[in-house]
Amino acid sequence: MAVELFAVDDEALMPRRLPGECLDELDIAIDDYSPSAEHLRVGEEVVEETLHSHLLKSNCPVTGQPDWGSVLIRYRGPRLDREGLLRYLVGYRQHQDFHEHCVEHIYMDLMARARPERLLVLARYVRRGGLDISPWRATPGERPPEPLRLARQ
């Protein structure tokens, strides 16, 4: 575990965009608001890509308060079905768990369903109590992008 401190006006803390393709504009119907790995489907083609969504929301298991976040998924493996992935991520809407557990759950479901060679799952949650909460989990050798702050943080 490591802790890195930045000056309040450090360039690394200026708002930026998540890398990769955003899934949020997909026109899909969602009627299941619990995370179901059944939504995760893959194709035959092996790709290396980065996807993200700003629609992640779970609920604090202690207070019940909503926790909004953005999630980044970088992988090399069978192409993920984007609509299924977005349904899966939006499915966290009624899920109660800590941020770190949500990221772990997403990572484990993707590993089990897609079996990628490499995988990184990173979440950037909206601040609570002035603290950035940005858990990530990755296969050995994968590193998250340099520290970045989104405009809504």
N, C-alpha and C. Protein backbone atom coordinates (compact mmCIF):
# COMPACT_ATOMS: atom_id res chain seq x y z
N MET A 1 0.85 -1.17 0.00
CA MET A 1 0.00 0.00 0.00
C MET A 1 0.89 1.23 0.00
N ALA A 2 0.48 2.24 -0.76
CA ALA A 2 1.26 3.46 -0.86
C ALA A 2 0.34 4.67 -0.73
N VAL A 3 0.89 5.74 -0.20
CA VAL A 3 0.17 7.00 -0.08
C VAL A 3 1.01 8.05 -0.79
N GLU A 4 0.36 8.84 -1.64
CA GLU A 4 1.06 9.89 -2.36
C GLU A 4 0.34 11.20 -2.09
N LEU A 5 1.06 12.22 -1.66
CA LEU A 5 0.48 13.53 -1.36
C LEU A 5 0.79 14.51 -2.48
N PHE A 6 -0.18 15.36 -2.81
CA PHE A 6 -0.03 16.36 -3.85
C PHE A 6 -0.33 17.73 -3.28
N ALA A 7 0.33 18.76 -3.81
CA ALA A 7 -0.02 20.13 -3.46
C ALA A 7 -1.39 20.42 -4.04
N VAL A 8 -2.13 21.31 -3.40
CA VAL A 8 -3.51 21.58 -3.80
C VAL A 8 -3.60 22.08 -5.24
N ASP A 9 -2.58 22.72 -5.78
CA ASP A 9 -2.62 23.21 -7.15
C ASP A 9 -1.74 22.39 -8.09
N ASP A 10 -1.41 21.18 -7.71
CA ASP A 10 -0.59 20.29 -8.53
C ASP A 10 -1.32 19.98 -9.83
N GLU A 11 -0.60 19.99 -10.94
CA GLU A 11 -1.17 19.69 -12.26
C GLU A 11 -1.90 18.35 -12.28
N ALA A 12 -1.43 17.38 -11.52
CA ALA A 12 -2.05 16.05 -11.50
C ALA A 12 -3.47 16.08 -10.95
N LEU A 13 -3.83 17.15 -10.23
CA LEU A 13 -5.16 17.23 -9.62
C LEU A 13 -6.15 18.03 -10.45
N MET A 14 -5.72 18.56 -11.60
CA MET A 14 -6.63 19.30 -12.46
C MET A 14 -7.59 18.32 -13.13
N PRO A 15 -8.87 18.69 -13.26
CA PRO A 15 -9.84 17.76 -13.85
C PRO A 15 -9.45 17.33 -15.26
N ARG A 16 -9.65 16.04 -15.54
CA ARG A 16 -9.38 15.45 -16.85
C ARG A 16 -10.47 14.45 -17.19
N ARG A 17 -10.39 13.89 -18.36
CA ARG A 17 -11.34 12.88 -18.81
C ARG A 17 -10.74 11.50 -18.62
N LEU A 18 -11.61 10.53 -18.41
CA LEU A 18 -11.15 9.14 -18.38
C LEU A 18 -10.77 8.74 -19.80
N PRO A 19 -9.72 7.94 -19.93
CA PRO A 19 -9.35 7.47 -21.27
C PRO A 19 -10.33 6.41 -21.76
N GLY A 20 -10.35 6.22 -23.06
CA GLY A 20 -11.15 5.15 -23.65
C GLY A 20 -12.54 5.59 -24.09
N GLU A 21 -13.31 4.60 -24.49
CA GLU A 21 -14.66 4.81 -25.02
C GLU A 21 -15.69 4.84 -23.89
N CYS A 22 -16.54 5.86 -23.90
CA CYS A 22 -17.61 5.98 -22.90
C CYS A 22 -18.84 5.20 -23.36
N LEU A 23 -19.41 4.42 -22.47
CA LEU A 23 -20.57 3.59 -22.78
C LEU A 23 -21.91 4.29 -22.51
N ASP A 24 -21.88 5.46 -21.92
CA ASP A 24 -23.08 6.07 -21.37
C ASP A 24 -24.14 6.48 -22.38
N GLU A 25 -23.80 6.65 -23.63
CA GLU A 25 -24.77 7.07 -24.64
C GLU A 25 -25.46 5.91 -25.34
N LEU A 26 -25.16 4.68 -24.94
CA LEU A 26 -25.82 3.53 -25.55
C LEU A 26 -27.32 3.59 -25.26
N ASP A 27 -28.13 3.32 -26.26
CA ASP A 27 -29.58 3.37 -26.12
C ASP A 27 -30.08 1.98 -25.74
N ILE A 28 -30.15 1.71 -24.45
CA ILE A 28 -30.56 0.39 -23.97
C ILE A 28 -31.65 0.53 -22.92
N ALA A 29 -32.45 -0.51 -22.80
CA ALA A 29 -33.46 -0.56 -21.74
C ALA A 29 -32.90 -1.36 -20.58
N ILE A 30 -33.10 -0.86 -19.38
CA ILE A 30 -32.61 -1.54 -18.19
C ILE A 30 -33.77 -1.72 -17.23
N ASP A 31 -33.96 -2.96 -16.78
CA ASP A 31 -35.04 -3.22 -15.83
C ASP A 31 -34.56 -4.04 -14.64
N ASP A 32 -33.26 -4.24 -14.56
CA ASP A 32 -32.67 -5.04 -13.48
C ASP A 32 -31.62 -4.19 -12.77
N TYR A 33 -31.90 -3.83 -11.52
CA TYR A 33 -30.98 -2.96 -10.79
C TYR A 33 -30.26 -3.70 -9.68
N SER A 34 -29.81 -4.89 -10.00
CA SER A 34 -28.90 -5.62 -9.12
C SER A 34 -27.83 -6.20 -10.04
N PRO A 35 -26.57 -6.20 -9.61
CA PRO A 35 -25.50 -6.63 -10.51
C PRO A 35 -25.62 -8.12 -10.85
N SER A 36 -25.74 -8.41 -12.13
CA SER A 36 -25.87 -9.79 -12.58
C SER A 36 -24.83 -10.06 -13.64
N ALA A 37 -23.92 -10.98 -13.36
CA ALA A 37 -22.87 -11.34 -14.31
C ALA A 37 -23.45 -11.96 -15.57
N GLU A 38 -24.71 -12.33 -15.54
CA GLU A 38 -25.37 -12.89 -16.73
C GLU A 38 -25.38 -11.87 -17.88
N HIS A 39 -25.31 -10.59 -17.56
CA HIS A 39 -25.29 -9.56 -18.59
C HIS A 39 -23.95 -9.50 -19.33
N LEU A 40 -22.90 -10.02 -18.72
CA LEU A 40 -21.56 -9.94 -19.31
C LEU A 40 -21.40 -11.01 -20.37
N ARG A 41 -21.26 -10.55 -21.63
CA ARG A 41 -21.08 -11.46 -22.76
C ARG A 41 -19.85 -11.02 -23.54
N VAL A 42 -19.22 -11.97 -24.22
CA VAL A 42 -18.04 -11.67 -25.02
C VAL A 42 -18.19 -12.23 -26.42
N GLY A 43 -17.42 -11.66 -27.34
CA GLY A 43 -17.37 -12.15 -28.71
C GLY A 43 -16.14 -13.02 -28.91
N GLU A 44 -15.87 -13.36 -30.14
CA GLU A 44 -14.73 -14.21 -30.49
C GLU A 44 -13.45 -13.42 -30.64
N GLU A 45 -13.56 -12.20 -31.16
CA GLU A 45 -12.40 -11.38 -31.47
C GLU A 45 -11.66 -10.96 -30.19
N VAL A 46 -10.33 -11.11 -30.18
CA VAL A 46 -9.51 -10.67 -29.06
C VAL A 46 -9.09 -9.22 -29.33
N VAL A 47 -9.33 -8.36 -28.36
CA VAL A 47 -9.04 -6.94 -28.50
C VAL A 47 -8.29 -6.43 -27.27
N GLU A 48 -7.71 -5.27 -27.43
CA GLU A 48 -7.13 -4.54 -26.30
C GLU A 48 -7.80 -3.17 -26.31
N GLU A 49 -8.58 -2.87 -25.28
CA GLU A 49 -9.32 -1.62 -25.29
C GLU A 49 -9.59 -1.13 -23.88
N THR A 50 -9.99 0.14 -23.82
CA THR A 50 -10.35 0.79 -22.58
C THR A 50 -11.76 1.33 -22.72
N LEU A 51 -12.62 0.99 -21.76
CA LEU A 51 -14.01 1.43 -21.74
C LEU A 51 -14.27 2.12 -20.41
N HIS A 52 -15.24 3.03 -20.38
CA HIS A 52 -15.61 3.62 -19.10
C HIS A 52 -17.07 4.04 -19.09
N SER A 53 -17.57 4.25 -17.87
CA SER A 53 -18.93 4.73 -17.67
C SER A 53 -18.95 5.61 -16.42
N HIS A 54 -19.79 6.62 -16.49
CA HIS A 54 -19.98 7.51 -15.34
C HIS A 54 -21.30 7.19 -14.62
N LEU A 55 -21.88 6.04 -14.92
CA LEU A 55 -23.20 5.69 -14.38
C LEU A 55 -23.14 4.69 -13.22
N LEU A 56 -21.97 4.46 -12.67
CA LEU A 56 -21.86 3.56 -11.53
C LEU A 56 -22.46 4.22 -10.29
N LYS A 57 -23.33 3.51 -9.63
CA LYS A 57 -23.90 3.98 -8.36
C LYS A 57 -24.17 2.76 -7.49
N SER A 58 -23.69 2.84 -6.28
CA SER A 58 -24.00 1.82 -5.28
C SER A 58 -24.43 2.56 -4.02
N ASN A 59 -24.71 1.83 -2.98
CA ASN A 59 -25.16 2.46 -1.74
C ASN A 59 -24.27 2.02 -0.58
N CYS A 60 -23.97 2.96 0.29
CA CYS A 60 -23.15 2.68 1.45
C CYS A 60 -23.87 1.66 2.35
N PRO A 61 -23.19 0.58 2.73
CA PRO A 61 -23.84 -0.42 3.58
C PRO A 61 -24.06 0.06 5.02
N VAL A 62 -23.40 1.14 5.41
CA VAL A 62 -23.55 1.65 6.77
C VAL A 62 -24.67 2.69 6.84
N THR A 63 -24.62 3.68 5.93
CA THR A 63 -25.58 4.79 5.99
C THR A 63 -26.73 4.66 5.00
N GLY A 64 -26.56 3.83 3.97
CA GLY A 64 -27.56 3.72 2.92
C GLY A 64 -27.49 4.84 1.91
N GLN A 65 -26.55 5.79 2.10
CA GLN A 65 -26.41 6.92 1.19
C GLN A 65 -25.88 6.47 -0.16
N PRO A 66 -26.27 7.16 -1.25
CA PRO A 66 -25.78 6.79 -2.58
C PRO A 66 -24.32 7.18 -2.77
N ASP A 67 -23.60 6.33 -3.46
CA ASP A 67 -22.21 6.59 -3.83
C ASP A 67 -22.12 6.55 -5.34
N TRP A 68 -21.88 7.72 -5.97
CA TRP A 68 -21.79 7.83 -7.42
C TRP A 68 -20.34 7.74 -7.84
N GLY A 69 -20.10 7.06 -8.95
CA GLY A 69 -18.73 6.93 -9.41
C GLY A 69 -18.64 6.72 -10.90
N SER A 70 -17.41 6.79 -11.36
CA SER A 70 -17.06 6.48 -12.74
C SER A 70 -16.18 5.25 -12.69
N VAL A 71 -16.35 4.36 -13.64
CA VAL A 71 -15.55 3.14 -13.65
C VAL A 71 -14.84 3.02 -14.99
N LEU A 72 -13.57 2.63 -14.92
CA LEU A 72 -12.73 2.42 -16.09
C LEU A 72 -12.37 0.94 -16.14
N ILE A 73 -12.50 0.35 -17.33
CA ILE A 73 -12.14 -1.05 -17.53
C ILE A 73 -11.19 -1.11 -18.71
N ARG A 74 -9.98 -1.55 -18.45
CA ARG A 74 -8.97 -1.72 -19.50
C ARG A 74 -8.62 -3.19 -19.54
N TYR A 75 -8.64 -3.79 -20.72
CA TYR A 75 -8.40 -5.23 -20.79
C TYR A 75 -7.83 -5.64 -22.13
N ARG A 76 -7.29 -6.83 -22.16
CA ARG A 76 -6.91 -7.53 -23.39
C ARG A 76 -7.55 -8.90 -23.29
N GLY A 77 -8.45 -9.19 -24.23
CA GLY A 77 -9.15 -10.46 -24.22
C GLY A 77 -10.31 -10.42 -25.18
N PRO A 78 -11.22 -11.39 -25.08
CA PRO A 78 -12.39 -11.39 -25.96
C PRO A 78 -13.19 -10.10 -25.80
N ARG A 79 -13.62 -9.55 -26.94
CA ARG A 79 -14.34 -8.27 -26.92
C ARG A 79 -15.60 -8.36 -26.05
N LEU A 80 -15.71 -7.41 -25.12
CA LEU A 80 -16.88 -7.33 -24.25
C LEU A 80 -18.06 -6.73 -25.01
N ASP A 81 -19.23 -7.29 -24.83
CA ASP A 81 -20.45 -6.72 -25.37
C ASP A 81 -20.76 -5.46 -24.58
N ARG A 82 -20.76 -4.32 -25.25
CA ARG A 82 -20.91 -3.04 -24.57
C ARG A 82 -22.27 -2.87 -23.89
N GLU A 83 -23.33 -3.28 -24.57
CA GLU A 83 -24.65 -3.13 -23.97
C GLU A 83 -24.78 -3.99 -22.72
N GLY A 84 -24.28 -5.20 -22.76
CA GLY A 84 -24.32 -6.08 -21.59
C GLY A 84 -23.49 -5.52 -20.45
N LEU A 85 -22.32 -4.97 -20.78
CA LEU A 85 -21.45 -4.39 -19.75
C LEU A 85 -22.14 -3.20 -19.10
N LEU A 86 -22.78 -2.33 -19.89
CA LEU A 86 -23.46 -1.18 -19.31
C LEU A 86 -24.63 -1.63 -18.43
N ARG A 87 -25.39 -2.62 -18.88
CA ARG A 87 -26.49 -3.16 -18.05
C ARG A 87 -25.93 -3.67 -16.72
N TYR A 88 -24.82 -4.38 -16.79
CA TYR A 88 -24.19 -4.92 -15.59
C TYR A 88 -23.80 -3.78 -14.63
N LEU A 89 -23.14 -2.75 -15.15
CA LEU A 89 -22.67 -1.65 -14.29
C LEU A 89 -23.84 -0.87 -13.68
N VAL A 90 -24.86 -0.59 -14.48
CA VAL A 90 -26.03 0.13 -13.96
C VAL A 90 -26.76 -0.74 -12.94
N GLY A 91 -26.57 -2.05 -13.03
CA GLY A 91 -27.19 -2.97 -12.09
C GLY A 91 -26.75 -2.78 -10.64
N TYR A 92 -25.71 -2.01 -10.42
CA TYR A 92 -25.25 -1.74 -9.05
C TYR A 92 -26.12 -0.71 -8.34
N ARG A 93 -27.11 -0.13 -9.00
CA ARG A 93 -27.91 0.95 -8.45
C ARG A 93 -28.52 0.67 -7.08
N GLN A 94 -28.92 -0.56 -6.80
CA GLN A 94 -29.52 -0.87 -5.51
C GLN A 94 -28.60 -1.73 -4.64
N HIS A 95 -27.40 -1.97 -5.12
CA HIS A 95 -26.44 -2.81 -4.41
C HIS A 95 -25.82 -2.03 -3.24
N GLN A 96 -25.76 -2.66 -2.09
CA GLN A 96 -25.14 -2.03 -0.92
C GLN A 96 -23.80 -2.70 -0.65
N ASP A 97 -22.72 -1.92 -0.79
CA ASP A 97 -21.39 -2.43 -0.53
C ASP A 97 -20.41 -1.27 -0.49
N PHE A 98 -19.24 -1.52 0.07
CA PHE A 98 -18.18 -0.52 0.09
C PHE A 98 -17.58 -0.41 -1.30
N HIS A 99 -16.97 0.74 -1.59
CA HIS A 99 -16.38 1.00 -2.90
C HIS A 99 -15.41 -0.10 -3.32
N GLU A 100 -14.52 -0.47 -2.40
CA GLU A 100 -13.50 -1.48 -2.71
C GLU A 100 -14.13 -2.82 -3.06
N HIS A 101 -15.20 -3.17 -2.36
CA HIS A 101 -15.87 -4.44 -2.64
C HIS A 101 -16.58 -4.42 -3.98
N CYS A 102 -17.14 -3.28 -4.36
CA CYS A 102 -17.78 -3.17 -5.67
C CYS A 102 -16.76 -3.38 -6.78
N VAL A 103 -15.60 -2.74 -6.66
CA VAL A 103 -14.55 -2.90 -7.67
C VAL A 103 -14.08 -4.36 -7.72
N GLU A 104 -13.90 -4.96 -6.57
CA GLU A 104 -13.48 -6.38 -6.51
C GLU A 104 -14.53 -7.27 -7.18
N HIS A 105 -15.79 -7.00 -6.93
CA HIS A 105 -16.88 -7.78 -7.50
C HIS A 105 -16.89 -7.65 -9.03
N ILE A 106 -16.74 -6.43 -9.53
CA ILE A 106 -16.69 -6.19 -10.98
C ILE A 106 -15.50 -6.94 -11.59
N TYR A 107 -14.34 -6.81 -10.95
CA TYR A 107 -13.13 -7.48 -11.44
C TYR A 107 -13.33 -9.00 -11.50
N MET A 108 -13.82 -9.58 -10.43
CA MET A 108 -13.98 -11.03 -10.38
C MET A 108 -15.02 -11.51 -11.39
N ASP A 109 -16.11 -10.78 -11.57
CA ASP A 109 -17.12 -11.17 -12.56
C ASP A 109 -16.55 -11.10 -13.97
N LEU A 110 -15.79 -10.05 -14.27
CA LEU A 110 -15.18 -9.94 -15.60
C LEU A 110 -14.15 -11.05 -15.83
N MET A 111 -13.37 -11.36 -14.82
CA MET A 111 -12.38 -12.45 -14.97
C MET A 111 -13.09 -13.78 -15.22
N ALA A 112 -14.16 -14.04 -14.51
CA ALA A 112 -14.87 -15.31 -14.64
C ALA A 112 -15.60 -15.42 -15.98
N ARG A 113 -16.23 -14.33 -16.42
CA ARG A 113 -17.05 -14.39 -17.64
C ARG A 113 -16.26 -14.19 -18.92
N ALA A 114 -15.27 -13.27 -18.90
CA ALA A 114 -14.54 -12.93 -20.12
C ALA A 114 -13.18 -13.61 -20.22
N ARG A 115 -12.60 -13.96 -19.09
CA ARG A 115 -11.28 -14.58 -19.04
C ARG A 115 -10.22 -13.80 -19.83
N PRO A 116 -10.10 -12.50 -19.56
CA PRO A 116 -9.10 -11.70 -20.29
C PRO A 116 -7.68 -12.06 -19.86
N GLU A 117 -6.73 -11.81 -20.76
CA GLU A 117 -5.31 -11.99 -20.43
C GLU A 117 -4.87 -10.95 -19.42
N ARG A 118 -5.36 -9.71 -19.63
CA ARG A 118 -5.03 -8.61 -18.73
C ARG A 118 -6.31 -7.85 -18.42
N LEU A 119 -6.37 -7.32 -17.20
CA LEU A 119 -7.58 -6.59 -16.80
C LEU A 119 -7.24 -5.57 -15.71
N LEU A 120 -7.80 -4.39 -15.86
CA LEU A 120 -7.74 -3.35 -14.84
C LEU A 120 -9.15 -2.82 -14.65
N VAL A 121 -9.62 -2.77 -13.42
CA VAL A 121 -10.89 -2.14 -13.07
C VAL A 121 -10.57 -1.05 -12.06
N LEU A 122 -10.92 0.19 -12.38
CA LEU A 122 -10.64 1.34 -11.52
C LEU A 122 -11.92 2.14 -11.38
N ALA A 123 -12.25 2.55 -10.17
CA ALA A 123 -13.42 3.40 -9.94
C ALA A 123 -12.97 4.72 -9.33
N ARG A 124 -13.57 5.80 -9.81
CA ARG A 124 -13.35 7.14 -9.27
C ARG A 124 -14.68 7.59 -8.70
N TYR A 125 -14.82 7.50 -7.38
CA TYR A 125 -16.08 7.87 -6.74
C TYR A 125 -16.10 9.36 -6.42
N VAL A 126 -17.32 9.92 -6.41
CA VAL A 126 -17.50 11.31 -6.00
C VAL A 126 -17.05 11.40 -4.55
N ARG A 127 -16.35 12.45 -4.24
CA ARG A 127 -15.77 12.62 -2.90
C ARG A 127 -16.83 12.55 -1.81
N ARG A 128 -16.39 11.99 -0.70
CA ARG A 128 -17.21 11.97 0.51
C ARG A 128 -16.29 12.41 1.64
N GLY A 129 -16.71 13.43 2.37
CA GLY A 129 -15.89 13.92 3.48
C GLY A 129 -14.57 14.50 3.03
N GLY A 130 -14.49 14.96 1.77
CA GLY A 130 -13.27 15.57 1.25
C GLY A 130 -12.22 14.58 0.80
N LEU A 131 -12.52 13.29 0.82
CA LEU A 131 -11.54 12.27 0.45
C LEU A 131 -11.83 11.68 -0.92
N ASP A 132 -10.80 11.56 -1.74
CA ASP A 132 -10.93 10.82 -2.99
C ASP A 132 -10.93 9.35 -2.67
N ILE A 133 -11.86 8.62 -3.24
CA ILE A 133 -11.91 7.17 -3.05
C ILE A 133 -11.83 6.57 -4.44
N SER A 134 -10.69 5.94 -4.73
CA SER A 134 -10.41 5.46 -6.08
C SER A 134 -9.83 4.05 -6.06
N PRO A 135 -10.60 3.06 -5.64
CA PRO A 135 -10.05 1.70 -5.58
C PRO A 135 -9.83 1.14 -6.98
N TRP A 136 -8.86 0.26 -7.08
CA TRP A 136 -8.60 -0.43 -8.34
C TRP A 136 -8.08 -1.83 -8.07
N ARG A 137 -8.29 -2.69 -9.05
CA ARG A 137 -7.79 -4.07 -8.99
C ARG A 137 -7.33 -4.43 -10.38
N ALA A 138 -6.21 -5.13 -10.48
CA ALA A 138 -5.66 -5.44 -11.79
C ALA A 138 -4.90 -6.76 -11.76
N THR A 139 -4.76 -7.32 -12.95
CA THR A 139 -3.90 -8.50 -13.09
C THR A 139 -2.45 -8.03 -12.90
N PRO A 140 -1.54 -8.94 -12.54
CA PRO A 140 -0.14 -8.56 -12.34
C PRO A 140 0.43 -7.82 -13.56
N GLY A 141 1.12 -6.72 -13.28
CA GLY A 141 1.74 -5.92 -14.33
C GLY A 141 0.89 -4.77 -14.83
N GLU A 142 -0.40 -4.80 -14.60
CA GLU A 142 -1.27 -3.70 -15.01
C GLU A 142 -1.22 -2.60 -13.96
N ARG A 143 -1.14 -1.36 -14.41
CA ARG A 143 -1.12 -0.21 -13.51
C ARG A 143 -2.23 0.74 -13.92
N PRO A 144 -2.82 1.45 -12.97
CA PRO A 144 -3.86 2.42 -13.33
C PRO A 144 -3.23 3.63 -14.02
N PRO A 145 -4.07 4.43 -14.69
CA PRO A 145 -3.54 5.68 -15.27
C PRO A 145 -2.95 6.54 -14.16
N GLU A 146 -2.13 7.48 -14.55
CA GLU A 146 -1.60 8.43 -13.58
C GLU A 146 -2.77 9.01 -12.78
N PRO A 147 -2.52 9.45 -11.56
CA PRO A 147 -3.63 10.00 -10.77
C PRO A 147 -4.38 11.06 -11.57
N LEU A 148 -5.69 10.95 -11.59
CA LEU A 148 -6.49 11.93 -12.31
C LEU A 148 -7.76 12.22 -11.53
N ARG A 149 -8.23 13.42 -11.67
CA ARG A 149 -9.46 13.85 -11.01
C ARG A 149 -10.47 14.22 -12.10
N LEU A 150 -11.66 13.75 -11.93
CA LEU A 150 -12.72 14.07 -12.87
C LEU A 150 -13.39 15.38 -12.45
N ALA A 151 -14.06 16.04 -13.36
CA ALA A 151 -14.67 17.34 -13.06
C ALA A 151 -15.65 17.23 -11.89
N ARG A 152 -16.37 16.14 -11.76
CA ARG A 152 -17.36 16.03 -10.68
C ARG A 152 -16.76 15.64 -9.34
N GLN A 153 -15.45 15.52 -9.30
CA GLN A 153 -14.81 15.22 -8.03
C GLN A 153 -14.35 16.50 -7.38
